[in-house]
Amino acid sequence: MSFLGPVRTLTARKEIVLSAGVLGTPILLQLSGIGNKKDLKAAGVKTIVDNPSVGYNMSDHTSMVNTYLLTVPTRWTGFSAIQIF
């Protein structure tokens, strides 16, 4: 049991694709032994696939729009409601 709920072990008969977003996926790959051999060795992870590009040249999703609606006054705005786009 963890703070997120029960812990379960899953097995697969064939390959699976696991994705954890732009930042999490390289970490999962590296923890699994896929990445730059030098980096993995320094972290104490056995290299399964030497792929130096894992975790490098990452870019964020720049087209993503974040919208916030503040409904309480803040010391910065002094307004009771403001929209930021």
C-alpha atoms as a PDB file:
ATOM      1  CA  MET A   1       0.000   0.000   0.000  1.00  0.00           C
ATOM      2  CA  SER A   2       1.268   3.474  -0.854  1.00  0.00           C
ATOM      3  CA  PHE A   3      -0.185   6.947  -0.408  1.00  0.00           C
ATOM      4  CA  LEU A   4      -1.544   6.618  -3.982  1.00  0.00           C
ATOM      5  CA  GLY A   5      -3.410   3.396  -3.244  1.00  0.00           C
ATOM      6  CA  PRO A   6      -2.669  -0.319  -3.488  1.00  0.00           C
ATOM      7  CA  VAL A   7       0.541  -1.404  -5.189  1.00  0.00           C
ATOM      8  CA  ARG A   8       0.065  -3.910  -8.016  1.00  0.00           C
ATOM      9  CA  THR A   9       2.504  -5.884 -10.136  1.00  0.00           C
ATOM     10  CA  LEU A  10       1.662  -6.265 -13.821  1.00  0.00           C
ATOM     11  CA  THR A  11       3.328  -8.561 -16.323  1.00  0.00           C
ATOM     12  CA  ALA A  12       3.271  -8.566 -20.120  1.00  0.00           C
ATOM     13  CA  ARG A  13       3.745 -11.348 -22.637  1.00  0.00           C
ATOM     14  CA  LYS A  14       5.056  -8.964 -25.300  1.00  0.00           C
ATOM     15  CA  GLU A  15       6.575  -5.504 -25.496  1.00  0.00           C
ATOM     16  CA  ILE A  16       4.751  -2.543 -24.008  1.00  0.00           C
ATOM     17  CA  VAL A  17       4.955   1.204 -24.601  1.00  0.00           C
ATOM     18  CA  LEU A  18       5.132   3.293 -21.462  1.00  0.00           C
ATOM     19  CA  SER A  19       4.996   7.074 -21.595  1.00  0.00           C
ATOM     20  CA  ALA A  20       5.253   9.604 -18.777  1.00  0.00           C
ATOM     21  CA  GLY A  21       5.295  12.925 -20.600  1.00  0.00           C
ATOM     22  CA  VAL A  22       8.087  15.110 -21.879  1.00  0.00           C
ATOM     23  CA  LEU A  23      10.116  14.994 -18.655  1.00  0.00           C
ATOM     24  CA  GLY A  24       9.111  11.655 -17.142  1.00  0.00           C
ATOM     25  CA  THR A  25       9.659   9.442 -20.186  1.00  0.00           C
ATOM     26  CA  PRO A  26      13.447   9.991 -20.407  1.00  0.00           C
ATOM     27  CA  ILE A  27      13.716   9.287 -16.683  1.00  0.00           C
ATOM     28  CA  LEU A  28      11.778   6.027 -17.075  1.00  0.00           C
ATOM     29  CA  LEU A  29      13.993   5.013 -19.989  1.00  0.00           C
ATOM     30  CA  GLN A  30      17.164   5.799 -18.062  1.00  0.00           C
ATOM     31  CA  LEU A  31      15.995   3.955 -14.955  1.00  0.00           C
ATOM     32  CA  SER A  32      15.277   0.995 -17.253  1.00  0.00           C
ATOM     33  CA  GLY A  33      18.837   1.018 -18.613  1.00  0.00           C
ATOM     34  CA  ILE A  34      18.208   2.881 -21.862  1.00  0.00           C
ATOM     35  CA  GLY A  35      20.309   5.998 -22.309  1.00  0.00           C
ATOM     36  CA  ASN A  36      23.835   7.361 -22.429  1.00  0.00           C
ATOM     37  CA  LYS A  37      26.106   4.584 -21.170  1.00  0.00           C
ATOM     38  CA  LYS A  38      28.326   7.066 -19.277  1.00  0.00           C
ATOM     39  CA  ASP A  39      25.366   8.672 -17.493  1.00  0.00           C
ATOM     40  CA  LEU A  40      23.826   5.320 -16.605  1.00  0.00           C
ATOM     41  CA  LYS A  41      27.118   3.983 -15.227  1.00  0.00           C
ATOM     42  CA  ALA A  42      27.552   7.125 -13.080  1.00  0.00           C
ATOM     43  CA  ALA A  43      24.052   6.564 -11.663  1.00  0.00           C
ATOM     44  CA  GLY A  44      24.709   2.872 -10.994  1.00  0.00           C
ATOM     45  CA  VAL A  45      22.230   1.654 -13.625  1.00  0.00           C
ATOM     46  CA  LYS A  46      23.101  -1.332 -15.851  1.00  0.00           C
ATOM     47  CA  THR A  47      23.066  -0.320 -19.526  1.00  0.00           C
ATOM     48  CA  ILE A  48      20.630  -2.311 -21.677  1.00  0.00           C
ATOM     49  CA  VAL A  49      20.702   0.020 -24.714  1.00  0.00           C
ATOM     50  CA  ASP A  50      23.380   2.696 -25.206  1.00  0.00           C
ATOM     51  CA  ASN A  51      21.426   5.611 -26.681  1.00  0.00           C
ATOM     52  CA  PRO A  52      23.181   8.931 -25.951  1.00  0.00           C
ATOM     53  CA  SER A  53      20.227  11.028 -27.136  1.00  0.00           C
ATOM     54  CA  VAL A  54      17.868   9.926 -24.330  1.00  0.00           C
ATOM     55  CA  GLY A  55      17.282  12.880 -22.015  1.00  0.00           C
ATOM     56  CA  TYR A  56      19.000  15.420 -24.268  1.00  0.00           C
ATOM     57  CA  ASN A  57      17.575  18.010 -26.683  1.00  0.00           C
ATOM     58  CA  MET A  58      14.211  17.929 -24.919  1.00  0.00           C
ATOM     59  CA  SER A  59      11.666  20.637 -25.611  1.00  0.00           C
ATOM     60  CA  ASP A  60       8.500  21.547 -23.812  1.00  0.00           C
ATOM     61  CA  HIS A  61       5.064  21.756 -25.423  1.00  0.00           C
ATOM     62  CA  THR A  62       5.260  25.444 -26.306  1.00  0.00           C
ATOM     63  CA  SER A  63       1.815  25.566 -27.902  1.00  0.00           C
ATOM     64  CA  MET A  64       0.093  24.656 -24.646  1.00  0.00           C
ATOM     65  CA  VAL A  65      -2.021  27.472 -23.214  1.00  0.00           C
ATOM     66  CA  ASN A  66      -2.527  27.801 -19.473  1.00  0.00           C
ATOM     67  CA  THR A  67      -5.533  29.773 -18.242  1.00  0.00           C
ATOM     68  CA  TYR A  68      -5.997  30.846 -14.657  1.00  0.00           C
ATOM     69  CA  LEU A  69      -8.985  32.486 -13.002  1.00  0.00           C
ATOM     70  CA  LEU A  70      -8.315  34.115  -9.663  1.00  0.00           C
ATOM     71  CA  THR A  71     -11.464  34.614  -7.657  1.00  0.00           C
ATOM     72  CA  VAL A  72      -9.938  36.012  -4.490  1.00  0.00           C
ATOM     73  CA  PRO A  73      -7.981  39.220  -3.980  1.00  0.00           C
ATOM     74  CA  THR A  74      -4.229  38.912  -3.998  1.00  0.00           C
ATOM     75  CA  ARG A  75      -1.623  41.309  -2.780  1.00  0.00           C
ATOM     76  CA  TRP A  76      -0.271  41.597  -6.347  1.00  0.00           C
ATOM     77  CA  THR A  77      -3.502  42.397  -8.179  1.00  0.00           C
ATOM     78  CA  GLY A  78      -5.794  43.856  -5.570  1.00  0.00           C
ATOM     79  CA  PHE A  79      -8.658  42.631  -7.768  1.00  0.00           C
ATOM     80  CA  SER A  80     -11.374  40.247  -6.683  1.00  0.00           C
ATOM     81  CA  ALA A  81     -11.260  38.467 -10.063  1.00  0.00           C
ATOM     82  CA  ILE A  82      -8.755  38.498 -12.908  1.00  0.00           C
ATOM     83  CA  GLN A  83      -8.168  36.254 -15.909  1.00  0.00           C
ATOM     84  CA  ILE A  84      -4.664  35.556 -17.138  1.00  0.00           C
ATOM     85  CA  PHE A  85      -4.194  33.956 -20.556  1.00  0.00           C
END
